[in-house]
Amino acid sequence: PDNRNVLQDEPVKLAGFTHAAFVVTDMDDLIAMFEKNAINITGG
C-alpha cells in the first residue's frame, strides 16, 4: 500500500538492506535531471 518500503517505512525496523548508494560526477546536473523528470528528492 502506498509503495511503503517494509524496511524503511514501518515502525518495526526489520534487518535487511535499506538502500543502494551510487557515486555521481555532478550532483547539480543530477538534481536538475530529477526536477525535469518530476522525480521527487526525498532527502538532501
All heavy atoms as atom14 arrays in JSON, in Angstrom:
{
  "sequence": "PDNRNVLQDEPVKLAGFTHAAFVVTDMDDLIAMFEKNAINITGG",
  "atom14_mask": [
    [1, 1, 1, 1, 1, 1, 1, 0, 0, 0, 0, 0, 0, 0],
    [1, 1, 1, 1, 1, 1, 1, 1, 0, 0, 0, 0, 0, 0],
    [1, 1, 1, 1, 1, 1, 1, 1, 0, 0, 0, 0, 0, 0],
    [1, 1, 1, 1, 1, 1, 1, 1, 1, 1, 1, 0, 0, 0],
    [1, 1, 1, 1, 1, 1, 1, 1, 0, 0, 0, 0, 0, 0],
    [1, 1, 1, 1, 1, 1, 1, 0, 0, 0, 0, 0, 0, 0],
    [1, 1, 1, 1, 1, 1, 1, 1, 0, 0, 0, 0, 0, 0],
    [1, 1, 1, 1, 1, 1, 1, 1, 1, 0, 0, 0, 0, 0],
    [1, 1, 1, 1, 1, 1, 1, 1, 0, 0, 0, 0, 0, 0],
    [1, 1, 1, 1, 1, 1, 1, 1, 1, 0, 0, 0, 0, 0],
    [1, 1, 1, 1, 1, 1, 1, 0, 0, 0, 0, 0, 0, 0],
    [1, 1, 1, 1, 1, 1, 1, 0, 0, 0, 0, 0, 0, 0],
    [1, 1, 1, 1, 1, 1, 1, 1, 1, 0, 0, 0, 0, 0],
    [1, 1, 1, 1, 1, 1, 1, 1, 0, 0, 0, 0, 0, 0],
    [1, 1, 1, 1, 1, 0, 0, 0, 0, 0, 0, 0, 0, 0],
    [1, 1, 1, 1, 0, 0, 0, 0, 0, 0, 0, 0, 0, 0],
    [1, 1, 1, 1, 1, 1, 1, 1, 1, 1, 1, 0, 0, 0],
    [1, 1, 1, 1, 1, 1, 1, 0, 0, 0, 0, 0, 0, 0],
    [1, 1, 1, 1, 1, 1, 1, 1, 1, 1, 0, 0, 0, 0],
    [1, 1, 1, 1, 1, 0, 0, 0, 0, 0, 0, 0, 0, 0],
    [1, 1, 1, 1, 1, 0, 0, 0, 0, 0, 0, 0, 0, 0],
    [1, 1, 1, 1, 1, 1, 1, 1, 1, 1, 1, 0, 0, 0],
    [1, 1, 1, 1, 1, 1, 1, 0, 0, 0, 0, 0, 0, 0],
    [1, 1, 1, 1, 1, 1, 1, 0, 0, 0, 0, 0, 0, 0],
    [1, 1, 1, 1, 1, 1, 1, 0, 0, 0, 0, 0, 0, 0],
    [1, 1, 1, 1, 1, 1, 1, 1, 0, 0, 0, 0, 0, 0],
    [1, 1, 1, 1, 1, 1, 1, 1, 0, 0, 0, 0, 0, 0],
    [1, 1, 1, 1, 1, 1, 1, 1, 0, 0, 0, 0, 0, 0],
    [1, 1, 1, 1, 1, 1, 1, 1, 0, 0, 0, 0, 0, 0],
    [1, 1, 1, 1, 1, 1, 1, 1, 0, 0, 0, 0, 0, 0],
    [1, 1, 1, 1, 1, 1, 1, 1, 0, 0, 0, 0, 0, 0],
    [1, 1, 1, 1, 1, 0, 0, 0, 0, 0, 0, 0, 0, 0],
    [1, 1, 1, 1, 1, 1, 1, 1, 0, 0, 0, 0, 0, 0],
    [1, 1, 1, 1, 1, 1, 1, 1, 1, 1, 1, 0, 0, 0],
    [1, 1, 1, 1, 1, 1, 1, 1, 1, 0, 0, 0, 0, 0],
    [1, 1, 1, 1, 1, 1, 1, 1, 1, 0, 0, 0, 0, 0],
    [1, 1, 1, 1, 1, 1, 1, 1, 0, 0, 0, 0, 0, 0],
    [1, 1, 1, 1, 1, 0, 0, 0, 0, 0, 0, 0, 0, 0],
    [1, 1, 1, 1, 1, 1, 1, 1, 0, 0, 0, 0, 0, 0],
    [1, 1, 1, 1, 1, 1, 1, 1, 0, 0, 0, 0, 0, 0],
    [1, 1, 1, 1, 1, 1, 1, 1, 0, 0, 0, 0, 0, 0],
    [1, 1, 1, 1, 1, 1, 1, 0, 0, 0, 0, 0, 0, 0],
    [1, 1, 1, 1, 0, 0, 0, 0, 0, 0, 0, 0, 0, 0],
    [1, 1, 1, 1, 0, 0, 0, 0, 0, 0, 0, 0, 0, 0]
  ],
  "atom14_positions": [
    [[0.84, -1.21, 0.0], [0.0, 0.0, 0.0], [0.87, 1.25, 0.0], [1.85, 1.34, 0.75], [-0.79, -0.12, 1.3], [-0.7, -1.56, 1.7], [0.59, -2.08, 1.13], [0.0, 0.0, 0.0], [0.0, 0.0, 0.0], [0.0, 0.0, 0.0], [0.0, 0.0, 0.0], [0.0, 0.0, 0.0], [0.0, 0.0, 0.0], [0.0, 0.0, 0.0]],
    [[0.54, 2.21, -0.85], [1.26, 3.48, -0.94], [2.75, 3.3, -1.21], [3.56, 4.16, -0.85], [1.07, 4.32, 0.33], [-0.38, 4.64, 0.6], [-1.11, 4.92, -0.37], [-0.8, 4.59, 1.77], [0.0, 0.0, 0.0], [0.0, 0.0, 0.0], [0.0, 0.0, 0.0], [0.0, 0.0, 0.0], [0.0, 0.0, 0.0], [0.0, 0.0, 0.0]],
    [[3.13, 2.16, -1.83], [4.54, 1.85, -2.11], [5.41, 1.95, -0.88], [6.56, 2.37, -0.94], [5.07, 2.74, -3.24], [4.42, 2.42, -4.55], [4.07, 1.27, -4.82], [4.23, 3.41, -5.37], [0.0, 0.0, 0.0], [0.0, 0.0, 0.0], [0.0, 0.0, 0.0], [0.0, 0.0, 0.0], [0.0, 0.0, 0.0], [0.0, 0.0, 0.0]],
    [[4.85, 1.54, 0.26], [5.61, 1.57, 1.51], [6.78, 0.6, 1.42], [6.65, -0.51, 0.93], [4.72, 1.24, 2.7], [3.71, 2.37, 2.96], [2.89, 2.11, 4.18], [3.65, 2.03, 5.4], [4.09, 3.06, 6.12], [3.84, 4.28, 5.71], [4.76, 2.87, 7.23], [0.0, 0.0, 0.0], [0.0, 0.0, 0.0], [0.0, 0.0, 0.0]],
    [[7.91, 1.04, 1.91], [9.12, 0.22, 1.95], [9.14, -0.48, 3.31], [9.22, 0.17, 4.35], [10.34, 1.13, 1.77], [11.64, 0.38, 1.76], [11.9, -0.45, 2.63], [12.48, 0.7, 0.8], [0.0, 0.0, 0.0], [0.0, 0.0, 0.0], [0.0, 0.0, 0.0], [0.0, 0.0, 0.0], [0.0, 0.0, 0.0], [0.0, 0.0, 0.0]],
    [[9.06, -1.82, 3.29], [8.92, -2.56, 4.55], [10.16, -2.44, 5.43], [10.08, -2.68, 6.63], [8.58, -4.05, 4.31], [7.22, -4.18, 3.64], [9.65, -4.75, 3.52], [0.0, 0.0, 0.0], [0.0, 0.0, 0.0], [0.0, 0.0, 0.0], [0.0, 0.0, 0.0], [0.0, 0.0, 0.0], [0.0, 0.0, 0.0], [0.0, 0.0, 0.0]],
    [[11.3, -2.06, 4.87], [12.5, -1.88, 5.68], [12.67, -0.45, 6.18], [13.42, -0.21, 7.12], [13.75, -2.3, 4.9], [13.82, -3.78, 4.55], [15.04, -4.05, 3.7], [13.82, -4.64, 5.8], [0.0, 0.0, 0.0], [0.0, 0.0, 0.0], [0.0, 0.0, 0.0], [0.0, 0.0, 0.0], [0.0, 0.0, 0.0], [0.0, 0.0, 0.0]],
    [[12.01, 0.51, 5.56], [12.21, 1.91, 5.91], [10.99, 2.55, 6.55], [11.13, 3.4, 7.41], [12.57, 2.73, 4.65], [13.87, 2.34, 4.01], [15.06, 2.93, 4.73], [15.3, 2.62, 5.88], [15.81, 3.77, 4.05], [0.0, 0.0, 0.0], [0.0, 0.0, 0.0], [0.0, 0.0, 0.0], [0.0, 0.0, 0.0], [0.0, 0.0, 0.0]],
    [[9.79, 2.19, 6.1], [8.6, 2.95, 6.44], [7.76, 2.35, 7.57], [6.78, 2.96, 7.98], [7.72, 3.11, 5.2], [8.45, 3.83, 4.08], [9.31, 4.68, 4.38], [8.15, 3.55, 2.9], [0.0, 0.0, 0.0], [0.0, 0.0, 0.0], [0.0, 0.0, 0.0], [0.0, 0.0, 0.0], [0.0, 0.0, 0.0], [0.0, 0.0, 0.0]],
    [[8.09, 1.19, 8.04], [7.31, 0.55, 9.09], [7.91, 0.85, 10.45], [9.13, 1.06, 10.57], [7.26, -0.96, 8.86], [6.66, -1.37, 7.52], [5.24, -0.87, 7.32], [4.47, -0.77, 8.3], [4.89, -0.56, 6.17], [0.0, 0.0, 0.0], [0.0, 0.0, 0.0], [0.0, 0.0, 0.0], [0.0, 0.0, 0.0], [0.0, 0.0, 0.0]],
    [[7.07, 0.89, 11.51], [7.59, 1.23, 12.84], [8.58, 0.19, 13.39], [9.52, 0.54, 14.08], [6.35, 1.33, 13.72], [5.24, 0.72, 12.94], [5.63, 0.73, 11.5], [0.0, 0.0, 0.0], [0.0, 0.0, 0.0], [0.0, 0.0, 0.0], [0.0, 0.0, 0.0], [0.0, 0.0, 0.0], [0.0, 0.0, 0.0], [0.0, 0.0, 0.0]],
    [[8.39, -1.09, 13.07], [9.33, -2.13, 13.48], [10.4, -2.2, 12.41], [10.11, -2.44, 11.23], [8.63, -3.49, 13.65], [9.65, -4.58, 13.96], [7.57, -3.41, 14.74], [0.0, 0.0, 0.0], [0.0, 0.0, 0.0], [0.0, 0.0, 0.0], [0.0, 0.0, 0.0], [0.0, 0.0, 0.0], [0.0, 0.0, 0.0], [0.0, 0.0, 0.0]],
    [[11.64, -1.98, 12.78], [12.74, -1.95, 11.82], [13.34, -3.34, 11.67], [14.07, -3.83, 12.53], [13.82, -0.95, 12.27], [13.3, 0.48, 12.38], [12.71, 0.96, 11.06], [12.23, 2.38, 11.16], [11.33, 2.75, 10.09], [0.0, 0.0, 0.0], [0.0, 0.0, 0.0], [0.0, 0.0, 0.0], [0.0, 0.0, 0.0], [0.0, 0.0, 0.0]],
    [[12.98, -3.99, 10.55], [13.49, -5.33, 10.25], [14.92, -5.23, 9.74], [15.31, -4.23, 9.13], [12.61, -5.98, 9.19], [11.13, -6.14, 9.54], [10.36, -6.65, 8.33], [10.96, -7.05, 10.73], [0.0, 0.0, 0.0], [0.0, 0.0, 0.0], [0.0, 0.0, 0.0], [0.0, 0.0, 0.0], [0.0, 0.0, 0.0], [0.0, 0.0, 0.0]],
    [[15.68, -6.29, 9.94], [17.03, -6.35, 9.39], [16.96, -6.5, 7.88], [16.03, -7.11, 7.34], [17.79, -7.54, 9.99], [0.0, 0.0, 0.0], [0.0, 0.0, 0.0], [0.0, 0.0, 0.0], [0.0, 0.0, 0.0], [0.0, 0.0, 0.0], [0.0, 0.0, 0.0], [0.0, 0.0, 0.0], [0.0, 0.0, 0.0], [0.0, 0.0, 0.0]],
    [[17.92, -5.92, 7.18], [17.97, -6.05, 5.73], [18.66, -4.85, 5.11], [18.99, -3.88, 5.8], [0.0, 0.0, 0.0], [0.0, 0.0, 0.0], [0.0, 0.0, 0.0], [0.0, 0.0, 0.0], [0.0, 0.0, 0.0], [0.0, 0.0, 0.0], [0.0, 0.0, 0.0], [0.0, 0.0, 0.0], [0.0, 0.0, 0.0], [0.0, 0.0, 0.0]],
    [[18.87, -4.89, 3.82], [19.49, -3.78, 3.1], [18.46, -2.68, 2.93], [17.37, -2.93, 2.42], [20.01, -4.24, 1.73], [21.14, -5.2, 1.83], [20.93, -6.56, 1.76], [22.44, -4.74, 2.0], [21.98, -7.45, 1.86], [23.5, -5.62, 2.1], [23.28, -6.99, 2.03], [0.0, 0.0, 0.0], [0.0, 0.0, 0.0], [0.0, 0.0, 0.0]],
    [[18.81, -1.47, 3.31], [17.84, -0.37, 3.27], [17.95, 0.51, 2.03], [17.0, 1.19, 1.68], [17.98, 0.52, 4.51], [19.3, 1.07, 4.55], [17.68, -0.27, 5.77], [0.0, 0.0, 0.0], [0.0, 0.0, 0.0], [0.0, 0.0, 0.0], [0.0, 0.0, 0.0], [0.0, 0.0, 0.0], [0.0, 0.0, 0.0], [0.0, 0.0, 0.0]],
    [[19.11, 0.51, 1.36], [19.26, 1.35, 0.18], [20.55, 1.0, -0.55], [21.42, 0.34, -0.01], [19.27, 2.84, 0.56], [20.42, 3.26, 1.39], [20.51, 3.02, 2.74], [21.57, 3.92, 1.07], [21.65, 3.5, 3.22], [22.31, 4.04, 2.21], [0.0, 0.0, 0.0], [0.0, 0.0, 0.0], [0.0, 0.0, 0.0], [0.0, 0.0, 0.0]],
    [[20.61, 1.46, -1.79], [21.84, 1.37, -2.58], [22.38, 2.78, -2.72], [21.61, 3.74, -2.86], [21.54, 0.78, -3.95], [0.0, 0.0, 0.0], [0.0, 0.0, 0.0], [0.0, 0.0, 0.0], [0.0, 0.0, 0.0], [0.0, 0.0, 0.0], [0.0, 0.0, 0.0], [0.0, 0.0, 0.0], [0.0, 0.0, 0.0], [0.0, 0.0, 0.0]],
    [[23.69, 2.93, -2.67], [24.33, 4.25, -2.77], [25.28, 4.25, -3.97], [26.11, 3.35, -4.11], [25.1, 4.57, -1.49], [0.0, 0.0, 0.0], [0.0, 0.0, 0.0], [0.0, 0.0, 0.0], [0.0, 0.0, 0.0], [0.0, 0.0, 0.0], [0.0, 0.0, 0.0], [0.0, 0.0, 0.0], [0.0, 0.0, 0.0], [0.0, 0.0, 0.0]],
    [[25.13, 5.28, -4.81], [25.91, 5.4, -6.03], [26.69, 6.71, -6.01], [26.24, 7.7, -5.45], [24.99, 5.37, -7.26], [24.15, 4.13, -7.34], [22.85, 4.12, -6.89], [24.69, 2.96, -7.85], [22.08, 2.97, -6.95], [23.92, 1.8, -7.92], [22.61, 1.81, -7.47], [0.0, 0.0, 0.0], [0.0, 0.0, 0.0], [0.0, 0.0, 0.0]],
    [[27.85, 6.72, -6.64], [28.68, 7.92, -6.77], [28.34, 8.57, -8.1], [28.25, 7.89, -9.13], [30.18, 7.57, -6.7], [31.05, 8.79, -6.96], [30.52, 6.94, -5.35], [0.0, 0.0, 0.0], [0.0, 0.0, 0.0], [0.0, 0.0, 0.0], [0.0, 0.0, 0.0], [0.0, 0.0, 0.0], [0.0, 0.0, 0.0], [0.0, 0.0, 0.0]],
    [[28.16, 9.89, -8.08], [27.88, 10.66, -9.29], [28.96, 11.72, -9.47], [29.62, 12.13, -8.52], [26.49, 11.32, -9.26], [25.4, 10.27, -9.16], [26.37, 12.33, -8.15], [0.0, 0.0, 0.0], [0.0, 0.0, 0.0], [0.0, 0.0, 0.0], [0.0, 0.0, 0.0], [0.0, 0.0, 0.0], [0.0, 0.0, 0.0], [0.0, 0.0, 0.0]],
    [[29.12, 12.17, -10.71], [30.16, 13.16, -11.01], [29.69, 14.59, -10.77], [30.51, 15.46, -10.47], [30.62, 13.04, -12.47], [29.48, 13.15, -13.31], [31.33, 11.71, -12.7], [0.0, 0.0, 0.0], [0.0, 0.0, 0.0], [0.0, 0.0, 0.0], [0.0, 0.0, 0.0], [0.0, 0.0, 0.0], [0.0, 0.0, 0.0], [0.0, 0.0, 0.0]],
    [[28.39, 14.86, -10.92], [27.9, 16.23, -10.79], [26.5, 16.22, -10.18], [25.51, 15.94, -10.87], [27.87, 16.92, -12.16], [27.61, 18.4, -12.06], [26.66, 18.81, -11.34], [28.35, 19.17, -12.7], [0.0, 0.0, 0.0], [0.0, 0.0, 0.0], [0.0, 0.0, 0.0], [0.0, 0.0, 0.0], [0.0, 0.0, 0.0], [0.0, 0.0, 0.0]],
    [[26.42, 16.51, -8.89], [25.15, 16.47, -8.17], [24.17, 17.49, -8.73], [22.97, 17.21, -8.84], [25.39, 16.72, -6.69], [24.13, 16.6, -5.85], [23.51, 14.9, -5.75], [24.73, 14.18, -4.66], [0.0, 0.0, 0.0], [0.0, 0.0, 0.0], [0.0, 0.0, 0.0], [0.0, 0.0, 0.0], [0.0, 0.0, 0.0], [0.0, 0.0, 0.0]],
    [[24.63, 18.69, -9.09], [23.72, 19.72, -9.59], [23.06, 19.27, -10.9], [21.86, 19.5, -11.09], [24.45, 21.05, -9.77], [24.87, 21.65, -8.44], [24.15, 21.45, -7.44], [25.92, 22.31, -8.39], [0.0, 0.0, 0.0], [0.0, 0.0, 0.0], [0.0, 0.0, 0.0], [0.0, 0.0, 0.0], [0.0, 0.0, 0.0], [0.0, 0.0, 0.0]],
    [[23.81, 18.62, -11.78], [23.22, 18.1, -13.02], [22.2, 17.01, -12.71], [21.14, 16.94, -13.35], [24.3, 17.54, -13.94], [25.05, 18.61, -14.71], [24.65, 19.79, -14.65], [26.05, 18.26, -15.36], [0.0, 0.0, 0.0], [0.0, 0.0, 0.0], [0.0, 0.0, 0.0], [0.0, 0.0, 0.0], [0.0, 0.0, 0.0], [0.0, 0.0, 0.0]],
    [[22.5, 16.15, -11.75], [21.56, 15.09, -11.36], [20.28, 15.7, -10.79], [19.17, 15.29, -11.17], [22.21, 14.15, -10.35], [21.33, 13.0, -9.89], [21.0, 12.05, -11.04], [22.01, 12.25, -8.74], [0.0, 0.0, 0.0], [0.0, 0.0, 0.0], [0.0, 0.0, 0.0], [0.0, 0.0, 0.0], [0.0, 0.0, 0.0], [0.0, 0.0, 0.0]],
    [[20.42, 16.67, -9.91], [19.24, 17.32, -9.33], [18.41, 17.97, -10.42], [17.17, 17.86, -10.43], [19.67, 18.34, -8.25], [20.23, 17.6, -7.03], [18.51, 19.25, -7.86], [20.92, 18.51, -6.02], [0.0, 0.0, 0.0], [0.0, 0.0, 0.0], [0.0, 0.0, 0.0], [0.0, 0.0, 0.0], [0.0, 0.0, 0.0], [0.0, 0.0, 0.0]],
    [[19.04, 18.63, -11.38], [18.31, 19.26, -12.49], [17.56, 18.2, -13.3], [16.41, 18.42, -13.71], [19.27, 20.04, -13.37], [0.0, 0.0, 0.0], [0.0, 0.0, 0.0], [0.0, 0.0, 0.0], [0.0, 0.0, 0.0], [0.0, 0.0, 0.0], [0.0, 0.0, 0.0], [0.0, 0.0, 0.0], [0.0, 0.0, 0.0], [0.0, 0.0, 0.0]],
    [[18.19, 17.05, -13.54], [17.52, 15.97, -14.28], [16.32, 15.46, -13.5], [15.25, 15.22, -14.07], [18.51, 14.84, -14.56], [17.95, 13.75, -15.5], [16.89, 12.5, -14.74], [18.04, 11.62, -13.73], [0.0, 0.0, 0.0], [0.0, 0.0, 0.0], [0.0, 0.0, 0.0], [0.0, 0.0, 0.0], [0.0, 0.0, 0.0], [0.0, 0.0, 0.0]],
    [[16.47, 15.3, -12.18], [15.33, 14.86, -11.36], [14.19, 15.85, -11.45], [13.03, 15.48, -11.6], [15.74, 14.67, -9.9], [16.6, 13.46, -9.65], [17.37, 13.39, -8.49], [16.66, 12.39, -10.53], [18.16, 12.29, -8.23], [17.45, 11.29, -10.28], [18.2, 11.23, -9.12], [0.0, 0.0, 0.0], [0.0, 0.0, 0.0], [0.0, 0.0, 0.0]],
    [[14.49, 17.14, -11.34], [13.45, 18.18, -11.43], [12.77, 18.15, -12.79], [11.55, 18.23, -12.88], [14.05, 19.55, -11.12], [14.44, 19.71, -9.67], [15.22, 20.98, -9.38], [15.6, 21.71, -10.32], [15.48, 21.23, -8.18], [0.0, 0.0, 0.0], [0.0, 0.0, 0.0], [0.0, 0.0, 0.0], [0.0, 0.0, 0.0], [0.0, 0.0, 0.0]],
    [[13.54, 18.03, -13.85], [12.99, 17.99, -15.22], [12.06, 16.8, -15.41], [11.05, 16.89, -16.11], [14.14, 17.94, -16.23], [13.69, 17.85, -17.66], [14.88, 17.78, -18.61], [14.39, 17.55, -20.02], [15.47, 17.2, -20.92], [0.0, 0.0, 0.0], [0.0, 0.0, 0.0], [0.0, 0.0, 0.0], [0.0, 0.0, 0.0], [0.0, 0.0, 0.0]],
    [[12.4, 15.66, -14.79], [11.62, 14.43, -14.96], [10.65, 14.16, -13.82], [10.12, 13.06, -13.71], [12.58, 13.24, -15.13], [13.32, 13.32, -16.44], [12.72, 13.25, -17.5], [14.63, 13.49, -16.37], [0.0, 0.0, 0.0], [0.0, 0.0, 0.0], [0.0, 0.0, 0.0], [0.0, 0.0, 0.0], [0.0, 0.0, 0.0], [0.0, 0.0, 0.0]],
    [[10.42, 15.17, -12.96], [9.47, 15.05, -11.85], [9.78, 13.87, -10.93], [8.88, 13.18, -10.47], [8.04, 15.0, -12.37], [0.0, 0.0, 0.0], [0.0, 0.0, 0.0], [0.0, 0.0, 0.0], [0.0, 0.0, 0.0], [0.0, 0.0, 0.0], [0.0, 0.0, 0.0], [0.0, 0.0, 0.0], [0.0, 0.0, 0.0], [0.0, 0.0, 0.0]],
    [[11.08, 13.64, -10.69], [11.5, 12.62, -9.72], [11.73, 13.35, -8.41], [12.57, 14.25, -8.32], [12.77, 11.89, -10.2], [12.47, 11.11, -11.49], [13.29, 10.95, -9.11], [13.7, 10.5, -12.14], [0.0, 0.0, 0.0], [0.0, 0.0, 0.0], [0.0, 0.0, 0.0], [0.0, 0.0, 0.0], [0.0, 0.0, 0.0], [0.0, 0.0, 0.0]],
    [[10.97, 12.96, -7.39], [11.0, 13.64, -6.1], [12.26, 13.3, -5.31], [12.57, 12.12, -5.12], [9.75, 13.24, -5.3], [9.61, 14.02, -4.02], [9.87, 15.22, -3.99], [9.2, 13.35, -2.97], [0.0, 0.0, 0.0], [0.0, 0.0, 0.0], [0.0, 0.0, 0.0], [0.0, 0.0, 0.0], [0.0, 0.0, 0.0], [0.0, 0.0, 0.0]],
    [[12.97, 14.32, -4.87], [14.11, 14.12, -3.97], [13.54, 14.01, -2.56], [12.88, 14.93, -2.08], [15.12, 15.28, -4.09], [15.72, 15.29, -5.49], [16.21, 15.16, -3.02], [16.59, 16.49, -5.78], [0.0, 0.0, 0.0], [0.0, 0.0, 0.0], [0.0, 0.0, 0.0], [0.0, 0.0, 0.0], [0.0, 0.0, 0.0], [0.0, 0.0, 0.0]],
    [[13.77, 12.88, -1.91], [13.17, 12.62, -0.6], [14.09, 12.99, 0.56], [13.65, 13.01, 1.7], [12.76, 11.15, -0.47], [13.91, 10.32, -0.66], [11.69, 10.79, -1.51], [0.0, 0.0, 0.0], [0.0, 0.0, 0.0], [0.0, 0.0, 0.0], [0.0, 0.0, 0.0], [0.0, 0.0, 0.0], [0.0, 0.0, 0.0], [0.0, 0.0, 0.0]],
    [[15.35, 13.29, 0.28], [16.29, 13.7, 1.31], [17.47, 14.42, 0.68], [17.93, 14.05, -0.39], [0.0, 0.0, 0.0], [0.0, 0.0, 0.0], [0.0, 0.0, 0.0], [0.0, 0.0, 0.0], [0.0, 0.0, 0.0], [0.0, 0.0, 0.0], [0.0, 0.0, 0.0], [0.0, 0.0, 0.0], [0.0, 0.0, 0.0], [0.0, 0.0, 0.0]],
    [[17.9, 15.49, 1.35], [19.07, 16.22, 0.88], [18.7, 17.35, -0.06], [17.53, 17.64, -0.24], [0.0, 0.0, 0.0], [0.0, 0.0, 0.0], [0.0, 0.0, 0.0], [0.0, 0.0, 0.0], [0.0, 0.0, 0.0], [0.0, 0.0, 0.0], [0.0, 0.0, 0.0], [0.0, 0.0, 0.0], [0.0, 0.0, 0.0], [0.0, 0.0, 0.0]]
  ]
}
